[in-house]
Amino acid sequence: MNTVRLSNISIAEFEDFLEYVGCVRVDNGNEGHEKWEKQGITRPVIFQTHIDPIPEFIVRNNLRDLDISRKAFAEWYLGKRKKGKK
């Protein structure tokens, strides 16, 4: 079984995932971080924009806040990778 290392997720890939799950980027005036919101979640998704790839604990925490399993993220990520290899 393929495993996805959450420590290798680029900012662009995580942004694509956030859009896929229905999050919207919010302009909060802070250029060092991105803030994303989604209806139904209690906390916004926030990560630093100057660290690429995103640290694993940030990805894990944001997936938990979105109530999305690592397995669901991995399935999306691996499907995206397969499409990119055409």
PDB file of N, CA and C in Angstrom:
ATOM      1  N   MET A   1       0.844  -1.185   0.000  1.00  0.00           N
ATOM      2  CA  MET A   1       0.000   0.000   0.000  1.00  0.00           C
ATOM      3  C   MET A   1       0.881   1.237   0.000  1.00  0.00           C
ATOM      4  N   ASN A   2       0.549   2.203  -0.827  1.00  0.00           N
ATOM      5  CA  ASN A   2       1.300   3.445  -0.865  1.00  0.00           C
ATOM      6  C   ASN A   2       0.987   4.285   0.356  1.00  0.00           C
ATOM      7  N   THR A   3       2.027   4.876   0.900  1.00  0.00           N
ATOM      8  CA  THR A   3       1.824   5.771   2.032  1.00  0.00           C
ATOM      9  C   THR A   3       2.217   7.169   1.615  1.00  0.00           C
ATOM     10  N   VAL A   4       1.534   8.117   2.147  1.00  0.00           N
ATOM     11  CA  VAL A   4       1.807   9.513   1.850  1.00  0.00           C
ATOM     12  C   VAL A   4       2.494  10.117   3.059  1.00  0.00           C
ATOM     13  N   ARG A   5       3.640  10.687   2.833  1.00  0.00           N
ATOM     14  CA  ARG A   5       4.343  11.363   3.907  1.00  0.00           C
ATOM     15  C   ARG A   5       3.811  12.785   3.988  1.00  0.00           C
ATOM     16  N   LEU A   6       3.193  13.088   5.076  1.00  0.00           N
ATOM     17  CA  LEU A   6       2.611  14.417   5.244  1.00  0.00           C
ATOM     18  C   LEU A   6       3.672  15.495   5.365  1.00  0.00           C
ATOM     19  N   SER A   7       4.938  15.104   5.525  1.00  0.00           N
ATOM     20  CA  SER A   7       6.011  16.081   5.641  1.00  0.00           C
ATOM     21  C   SER A   7       6.465  16.610   4.285  1.00  0.00           C
ATOM     22  N   ASN A   8       5.983  16.053   3.200  1.00  0.00           N
ATOM     23  CA  ASN A   8       6.407  16.479   1.868  1.00  0.00           C
ATOM     24  C   ASN A   8       5.317  17.207   1.094  1.00  0.00           C
ATOM     25  N   ILE A   9       4.321  17.744   1.766  1.00  0.00           N
ATOM     26  CA  ILE A   9       3.203  18.402   1.096  1.00  0.00           C
ATOM     27  C   ILE A   9       3.573  19.861   0.840  1.00  0.00           C
ATOM     28  N   SER A  10       3.591  20.237  -0.424  1.00  0.00           N
ATOM     29  CA  SER A  10       3.933  21.624  -0.756  1.00  0.00           C
ATOM     30  C   SER A  10       2.753  22.553  -0.462  1.00  0.00           C
ATOM     31  N   ILE A  11       3.045  23.828  -0.388  1.00  0.00           N
ATOM     32  CA  ILE A  11       1.990  24.820  -0.159  1.00  0.00           C
ATOM     33  C   ILE A  11       0.963  24.758  -1.283  1.00  0.00           C
ATOM     34  N   ALA A  12       1.423  24.676  -2.525  1.00  0.00           N
ATOM     35  CA  ALA A  12       0.504  24.640  -3.672  1.00  0.00           C
ATOM     36  C   ALA A  12      -0.411  23.415  -3.613  1.00  0.00           C
ATOM     37  N   GLU A  13       0.149  22.256  -3.240  1.00  0.00           N
ATOM     38  CA  GLU A  13      -0.668  21.044  -3.148  1.00  0.00           C
ATOM     39  C   GLU A  13      -1.695  21.167  -2.023  1.00  0.00           C
ATOM     40  N   PHE A  14      -1.294  21.738  -0.887  1.00  0.00           N
ATOM     41  CA  PHE A  14      -2.235  21.883   0.222  1.00  0.00           C
ATOM     42  C   PHE A  14      -3.321  22.894  -0.118  1.00  0.00           C
ATOM     43  N   GLU A  15      -2.965  23.958  -0.834  1.00  0.00           N
ATOM     44  CA  GLU A  15      -3.980  24.923  -1.282  1.00  0.00           C
ATOM     45  C   GLU A  15      -4.986  24.253  -2.212  1.00  0.00           C
ATOM     46  N   ASP A  16      -4.498  23.422  -3.133  1.00  0.00           N
ATOM     47  CA  ASP A  16      -5.400  22.681  -4.034  1.00  0.00           C
ATOM     48  C   ASP A  16      -6.360  21.794  -3.239  1.00  0.00           C
ATOM     49  N   PHE A  17      -5.833  21.135  -2.213  1.00  0.00           N
ATOM     50  CA  PHE A  17      -6.672  20.275  -1.377  1.00  0.00           C
ATOM     51  C   PHE A  17      -7.729  21.090  -0.642  1.00  0.00           C
ATOM     52  N   LEU A  18      -7.324  22.223  -0.085  1.00  0.00           N
ATOM     53  CA  LEU A  18      -8.279  23.063   0.649  1.00  0.00           C
ATOM     54  C   LEU A  18      -9.409  23.529  -0.269  1.00  0.00           C
ATOM     55  N   GLU A  19      -9.071  23.909  -1.496  1.00  0.00           N
ATOM     56  CA  GLU A  19     -10.111  24.293  -2.463  1.00  0.00           C
ATOM     57  C   GLU A  19     -11.006  23.097  -2.780  1.00  0.00           C
ATOM     58  N   TYR A  20     -10.407  21.918  -2.920  1.00  0.00           N
ATOM     59  CA  TYR A  20     -11.158  20.700  -3.228  1.00  0.00           C
ATOM     60  C   TYR A  20     -12.202  20.396  -2.157  1.00  0.00           C
ATOM     61  N   VAL A  21     -11.860  20.610  -0.887  1.00  0.00           N
ATOM     62  CA  VAL A  21     -12.794  20.289   0.200  1.00  0.00           C
ATOM     63  C   VAL A  21     -13.735  21.445   0.522  1.00  0.00           C
ATOM     64  N   GLY A  22     -13.655  22.541  -0.223  1.00  0.00           N
ATOM     65  CA  GLY A  22     -14.617  23.614  -0.062  1.00  0.00           C
ATOM     66  C   GLY A  22     -14.181  24.776   0.803  1.00  0.00           C
ATOM     67  N   CYS A  23     -12.903  24.866   1.087  1.00  0.00           N
ATOM     68  CA  CYS A  23     -12.412  26.006   1.865  1.00  0.00           C
ATOM     69  C   CYS A  23     -12.213  27.218   0.972  1.00  0.00           C
ATOM     70  N   VAL A  24     -12.295  28.382   1.580  1.00  0.00           N
ATOM     71  CA  VAL A  24     -12.118  29.648   0.869  1.00  0.00           C
ATOM     72  C   VAL A  24     -11.006  30.425   1.552  1.00  0.00           C
ATOM     73  N   ARG A  25     -10.078  30.942   0.758  1.00  0.00           N
ATOM     74  CA  ARG A  25      -8.988  31.735   1.324  1.00  0.00           C
ATOM     75  C   ARG A  25      -9.529  33.083   1.778  1.00  0.00           C
ATOM     76  N   VAL A  26      -9.133  33.473   2.993  1.00  0.00           N
ATOM     77  CA  VAL A  26      -9.570  34.725   3.588  1.00  0.00           C
ATOM     78  C   VAL A  26      -8.359  35.650   3.664  1.00  0.00           C
ATOM     79  N   ASP A  27      -8.516  36.872   3.230  1.00  0.00           N
ATOM     80  CA  ASP A  27      -7.428  37.843   3.325  1.00  0.00           C
ATOM     81  C   ASP A  27      -7.459  38.461   4.709  1.00  0.00           C
ATOM     82  N   ASN A  28      -6.456  38.123   5.523  1.00  0.00           N
ATOM     83  CA  ASN A  28      -6.438  38.652   6.875  1.00  0.00           C
ATOM     84  C   ASN A  28      -5.364  39.707   7.077  1.00  0.00           C
ATOM     85  N   GLY A  29      -4.709  40.146   6.002  1.00  0.00           N
ATOM     86  CA  GLY A  29      -3.731  41.217   6.102  1.00  0.00           C
ATOM     87  C   GLY A  29      -2.362  40.782   6.600  1.00  0.00           C
ATOM     88  N   ASN A  30      -2.169  39.498   6.861  1.00  0.00           N
ATOM     89  CA  ASN A  30      -0.884  39.007   7.336  1.00  0.00           C
ATOM     90  C   ASN A  30      -0.214  38.245   6.202  1.00  0.00           C
ATOM     91  N   GLU A  31       0.860  38.804   5.667  1.00  0.00           N
ATOM     92  CA  GLU A  31       1.504  38.192   4.511  1.00  0.00           C
ATOM     93  C   GLU A  31       2.311  36.946   4.847  1.00  0.00           C
ATOM     94  N   GLY A  32       2.578  36.679   6.109  1.00  0.00           N
ATOM     95  CA  GLY A  32       3.371  35.522   6.494  1.00  0.00           C
ATOM     96  C   GLY A  32       2.556  34.253   6.669  1.00  0.00           C
ATOM     97  N   HIS A  33       1.242  34.366   6.641  1.00  0.00           N
ATOM     98  CA  HIS A  33       0.368  33.216   6.851  1.00  0.00           C
ATOM     99  C   HIS A  33      -0.785  33.258   5.857  1.00  0.00           C
ATOM    100  N   GLU A  34      -1.341  32.081   5.598  1.00  0.00           N
ATOM    101  CA  GLU A  34      -2.590  31.998   4.831  1.00  0.00           C
ATOM    102  C   GLU A  34      -3.671  31.524   5.778  1.00  0.00           C
ATOM    103  N   LYS A  35      -4.841  32.088   5.620  1.00  0.00           N
ATOM    104  CA  LYS A  35      -5.988  31.732   6.451  1.00  0.00           C
ATOM    105  C   LYS A  35      -7.114  31.279   5.528  1.00  0.00           C
ATOM    106  N   TRP A  36      -7.638  30.101   5.784  1.00  0.00           N
ATOM    107  CA  TRP A  36      -8.720  29.515   5.002  1.00  0.00           C
ATOM    108  C   TRP A  36      -9.878  29.192   5.930  1.00  0.00           C
ATOM    109  N   GLU A  37     -11.094  29.393   5.447  1.00  0.00           N
ATOM    110  CA  GLU A  37     -12.281  29.088   6.236  1.00  0.00           C
ATOM    111  C   GLU A  37     -13.225  28.208   5.436  1.00  0.00           C
ATOM    112  N   LYS A  38     -14.051  27.508   6.171  1.00  0.00           N
ATOM    113  CA  LYS A  38     -15.065  26.642   5.571  1.00  0.00           C
ATOM    114  C   LYS A  38     -16.256  26.640   6.501  1.00  0.00           C
ATOM    115  N   GLN A  39     -17.411  26.687   5.923  1.00  0.00           N
ATOM    116  CA  GLN A  39     -18.623  26.655   6.731  1.00  0.00           C
ATOM    117  C   GLN A  39     -18.691  25.327   7.481  1.00  0.00           C
ATOM    118  N   GLY A  40     -18.969  25.401   8.771  1.00  0.00           N
ATOM    119  CA  GLY A  40     -19.121  24.202   9.574  1.00  0.00           C
ATOM    120  C   GLY A  40     -17.900  23.827  10.398  1.00  0.00           C
ATOM    121  N   ILE A  41     -16.767  24.490  10.184  1.00  0.00           N
ATOM    122  CA  ILE A  41     -15.609  24.194  11.029  1.00  0.00           C
ATOM    123  C   ILE A  41     -15.478  25.281  12.082  1.00  0.00           C
ATOM    124  N   THR A  42     -14.950  24.910  13.234  1.00  0.00           N
ATOM    125  CA  THR A  42     -14.889  25.858  14.353  1.00  0.00           C
ATOM    126  C   THR A  42     -13.652  26.746  14.319  1.00  0.00           C
ATOM    127  N   ARG A  43     -12.590  26.283  13.642  1.00  0.00           N
ATOM    128  CA  ARG A  43     -11.358  27.058  13.575  1.00  0.00           C
ATOM    129  C   ARG A  43     -10.931  27.215  12.124  1.00  0.00           C
ATOM    130  N   PRO A  44     -10.347  28.343  11.777  1.00  0.00           N
ATOM    131  CA  PRO A  44      -9.832  28.480  10.410  1.00  0.00           C
ATOM    132  C   PRO A  44      -8.571  27.641  10.232  1.00  0.00           C
ATOM    133  N   VAL A  45      -8.276  27.311   8.993  1.00  0.00           N
ATOM    134  CA  VAL A  45      -7.043  26.612   8.641  1.00  0.00           C
ATOM    135  C   VAL A  45      -5.982  27.686   8.419  1.00  0.00           C
ATOM    136  N   ILE A  46      -4.880  27.602   9.142  1.00  0.00           N
ATOM    137  CA  ILE A  46      -3.821  28.605   9.041  1.00  0.00           C
ATOM    138  C   ILE A  46      -2.481  27.893   8.899  1.00  0.00           C
ATOM    139  N   PHE A  47      -1.655  28.390   7.970  1.00  0.00           N
ATOM    140  CA  PHE A  47      -0.295  27.866   7.837  1.00  0.00           C
ATOM    141  C   PHE A  47       0.616  28.969   7.315  1.00  0.00           C
ATOM    142  N   GLN A  48       1.911  28.819   7.593  1.00  0.00           N
ATOM    143  CA  GLN A  48       2.896  29.814   7.178  1.00  0.00           C
ATOM    144  C   GLN A  48       3.194  29.672   5.698  1.00  0.00           C
ATOM    145  N   THR A  49       3.396  30.800   5.037  1.00  0.00           N
ATOM    146  CA  THR A  49       3.650  30.772   3.604  1.00  0.00           C
ATOM    147  C   THR A  49       5.132  30.784   3.259  1.00  0.00           C
ATOM    148  N   HIS A  50       5.976  30.958   4.222  1.00  0.00           N
ATOM    149  CA  HIS A  50       7.410  31.001   3.928  1.00  0.00           C
ATOM    150  C   HIS A  50       8.128  29.693   4.240  1.00  0.00           C
ATOM    151  N   ILE A  51       7.381  28.660   4.641  1.00  0.00           N
ATOM    152  CA  ILE A  51       7.959  27.344   4.886  1.00  0.00           C
ATOM    153  C   ILE A  51       7.320  26.355   3.911  1.00  0.00           C
ATOM    154  N   ASP A  52       8.141  25.882   2.965  1.00  0.00           N
ATOM    155  CA  ASP A  52       7.648  24.960   1.945  1.00  0.00           C
ATOM    156  C   ASP A  52       8.649  23.817   1.808  1.00  0.00           C
ATOM    157  N   PRO A  53       8.272  22.580   2.051  1.00  0.00           N
ATOM    158  CA  PRO A  53       6.926  22.074   2.290  1.00  0.00           C
ATOM    159  C   PRO A  53       6.421  22.416   3.695  1.00  0.00           C
ATOM    160  N   ILE A  54       5.123  22.297   3.846  1.00  0.00           N
ATOM    161  CA  ILE A  54       4.472  22.598   5.124  1.00  0.00           C
ATOM    162  C   ILE A  54       4.883  21.535   6.140  1.00  0.00           C
ATOM    163  N   PRO A  55       5.264  21.932   7.355  1.00  0.00           N
ATOM    164  CA  PRO A  55       5.623  20.936   8.377  1.00  0.00           C
ATOM    165  C   PRO A  55       4.485  19.946   8.628  1.00  0.00           C
ATOM    166  N   GLU A  56       4.872  18.702   8.884  1.00  0.00           N
ATOM    167  CA  GLU A  56       3.884  17.629   9.045  1.00  0.00           C
ATOM    168  C   GLU A  56       2.871  17.917  10.144  1.00  0.00           C
ATOM    169  N   PHE A  57       3.323  18.472  11.267  1.00  0.00           N
ATOM    170  CA  PHE A  57       2.372  18.709  12.367  1.00  0.00           C
ATOM    171  C   PHE A  57       1.327  19.749  11.988  1.00  0.00           C
ATOM    172  N   ILE A  58       1.663  20.680  11.117  1.00  0.00           N
ATOM    173  CA  ILE A  58       0.692  21.684  10.651  1.00  0.00           C
ATOM    174  C   ILE A  58      -0.366  21.002   9.777  1.00  0.00           C
ATOM    175  N   VAL A  59       0.069  20.145   8.864  1.00  0.00           N
ATOM    176  CA  VAL A  59      -0.871  19.416   8.005  1.00  0.00           C
ATOM    177  C   VAL A  59      -1.784  18.544   8.863  1.00  0.00           C
ATOM    178  N   ARG A  60      -1.194  17.789   9.809  1.00  0.00           N
ATOM    179  CA  ARG A  60      -1.999  16.922  10.681  1.00  0.00           C
ATOM    180  C   ARG A  60      -3.025  17.717  11.473  1.00  0.00           C
ATOM    181  N   ASN A  61      -2.602  18.821  12.078  1.00  0.00           N
ATOM    182  CA  ASN A  61      -3.526  19.638  12.878  1.00  0.00           C
ATOM    183  C   ASN A  61      -4.653  20.198  12.021  1.00  0.00           C
ATOM    184  N   ASN A  62      -4.327  20.662  10.824  1.00  0.00           N
ATOM    185  CA  ASN A  62      -5.364  21.219   9.962  1.00  0.00           C
ATOM    186  C   ASN A  62      -6.325  20.144   9.465  1.00  0.00           C
ATOM    187  N   LEU A  63      -5.823  18.949   9.172  1.00  0.00           N
ATOM    188  CA  LEU A  63      -6.726  17.853   8.791  1.00  0.00           C
ATOM    189  C   LEU A  63      -7.668  17.511   9.940  1.00  0.00           C
ATOM    190  N   ARG A  64      -7.145  17.521  11.148  1.00  0.00           N
ATOM    191  CA  ARG A  64      -7.992  17.247  12.324  1.00  0.00           C
ATOM    192  C   ARG A  64      -9.062  18.319  12.469  1.00  0.00           C
ATOM    193  N   ASP A  65      -8.690  19.595  12.303  1.00  0.00           N
ATOM    194  CA  ASP A  65      -9.672  20.677  12.406  1.00  0.00           C
ATOM    195  C   ASP A  65     -10.739  20.579  11.314  1.00  0.00           C
ATOM    196  N   LEU A  66     -10.360  20.070  10.147  1.00  0.00           N
ATOM    197  CA  LEU A  66     -11.312  19.895   9.047  1.00  0.00           C
ATOM    198  C   LEU A  66     -12.122  18.605   9.188  1.00  0.00           C
ATOM    199  N   ASP A  67     -11.766  17.769  10.163  1.00  0.00           N
ATOM    200  CA  ASP A  67     -12.397  16.467  10.373  1.00  0.00           C
ATOM    201  C   ASP A  67     -12.233  15.580   9.139  1.00  0.00           C
ATOM    202  N   ILE A  68     -11.004  15.558   8.614  1.00  0.00           N
ATOM    203  CA  ILE A  68     -10.663  14.750   7.446  1.00  0.00           C
ATOM    204  C   ILE A  68      -9.542  13.800   7.860  1.00  0.00           C
ATOM    205  N   SER A  69      -9.701  12.535   7.540  1.00  0.00           N
ATOM    206  CA  SER A  69      -8.706  11.539   7.924  1.00  0.00           C
ATOM    207  C   SER A  69      -7.468  11.625   7.034  1.00  0.00           C
ATOM    208  N   ARG A  70      -6.375  11.108   7.556  1.00  0.00           N
ATOM    209  CA  ARG A  70      -5.151  11.031   6.756  1.00  0.00           C
ATOM    210  C   ARG A  70      -5.380  10.150   5.531  1.00  0.00           C
ATOM    211  N   LYS A  71      -6.194   9.109   5.707  1.00  0.00           N
ATOM    212  CA  LYS A  71      -6.476   8.198   4.599  1.00  0.00           C
ATOM    213  C   LYS A  71      -7.209   8.941   3.473  1.00  0.00           C
ATOM    214  N   ALA A  72      -8.205   9.749   3.824  1.00  0.00           N
ATOM    215  CA  ALA A  72      -8.946  10.508   2.805  1.00  0.00           C
ATOM    216  C   ALA A  72      -8.021  11.495   2.095  1.00  0.00           C
ATOM    217  N   PHE A  73      -7.151  12.140   2.856  1.00  0.00           N
ATOM    218  CA  PHE A  73      -6.187  13.065   2.243  1.00  0.00           C
ATOM    219  C   PHE A  73      -5.244  12.298   1.322  1.00  0.00           C
ATOM    220  N   ALA A  74      -4.761  11.142   1.767  1.00  0.00           N
ATOM    221  CA  ALA A  74      -3.832  10.339   0.968  1.00  0.00           C
ATOM    222  C   ALA A  74      -4.474   9.892  -0.344  1.00  0.00           C
ATOM    223  N   GLU A  75      -5.739   9.500  -0.300  1.00  0.00           N
ATOM    224  CA  GLU A  75      -6.433   9.086  -1.523  1.00  0.00           C
ATOM    225  C   GLU A  75      -6.519  10.240  -2.509  1.00  0.00           C
ATOM    226  N   TRP A  76      -6.845  11.439  -2.022  1.00  0.00           N
ATOM    227  CA  TRP A  76      -6.891  12.612  -2.897  1.00  0.00           C
ATOM    228  C   TRP A  76      -5.495  12.908  -3.452  1.00  0.00           C
ATOM    229  N   TYR A  77      -4.506  12.881  -2.584  1.00  0.00           N
ATOM    230  CA  TYR A  77      -3.134  13.221  -2.962  1.00  0.00           C
ATOM    231  C   TYR A  77      -2.593  12.250  -4.003  1.00  0.00           C
ATOM    232  N   LEU A  78      -2.780  10.972  -3.787  1.00  0.00           N
ATOM    233  CA  LEU A  78      -2.284   9.971  -4.743  1.00  0.00           C
ATOM    234  C   LEU A  78      -3.040  10.048  -6.067  1.00  0.00           C
ATOM    235  N   GLY A  79      -4.339  10.344  -6.010  1.00  0.00           N
ATOM    236  CA  GLY A  79      -5.107  10.532  -7.243  1.00  0.00           C
ATOM    237  C   GLY A  79      -4.636  11.747  -8.015  1.00  0.00           C
ATOM    238  N   LYS A  80      -4.295  12.804  -7.326  1.00  0.00           N
ATOM    239  CA  LYS A  80      -3.777  14.010  -7.969  1.00  0.00           C
ATOM    240  C   LYS A  80      -2.430  13.729  -8.611  1.00  0.00           C
ATOM    241  N   ARG A  81      -1.593  12.971  -7.937  1.00  0.00           N
ATOM    242  CA  ARG A  81      -0.264  12.620  -8.469  1.00  0.00           C
ATOM    243  C   ARG A  81      -0.394  11.794  -9.746  1.00  0.00           C
ATOM    244  N   LYS A  82      -1.330  10.841  -9.757  1.00  0.00           N
ATOM    245  CA  LYS A  82      -1.512   9.993 -10.946  1.00  0.00           C
ATOM    246  C   LYS A  82      -1.961  10.835 -12.132  1.00  0.00           C
ATOM    247  N   LYS A  83      -2.849  11.794 -11.908  1.00  0.00           N
ATOM    248  CA  LYS A  83      -3.323  12.653 -12.994  1.00  0.00           C
ATOM    249  C   LYS A  83      -2.186  13.513 -13.541  1.00  0.00           C
ATOM    250  N   GLY A  84      -1.281  13.923 -12.675  1.00  0.00           N
ATOM    251  CA  GLY A  84      -0.165  14.781 -13.083  1.00  0.00           C
ATOM    252  C   GLY A  84       0.899  14.060 -13.883  1.00  0.00           C
ATOM    253  N   LYS A  85       0.898  12.724 -13.875  1.00  0.00           N
ATOM    254  CA  LYS A  85       1.930  11.951 -14.562  1.00  0.00           C
ATOM    255  C   LYS A  85       1.539  11.567 -15.971  1.00  0.00           C
ATOM    256  N   LYS A  86       0.479  12.108 -16.517  1.00  0.00           N
ATOM    257  CA  LYS A  86       0.018  11.750 -17.867  1.00  0.00           C
ATOM    258  C   LYS A  86       1.084  11.994 -18.901  1.00  0.00           C
TER     259      LYS A  86
END
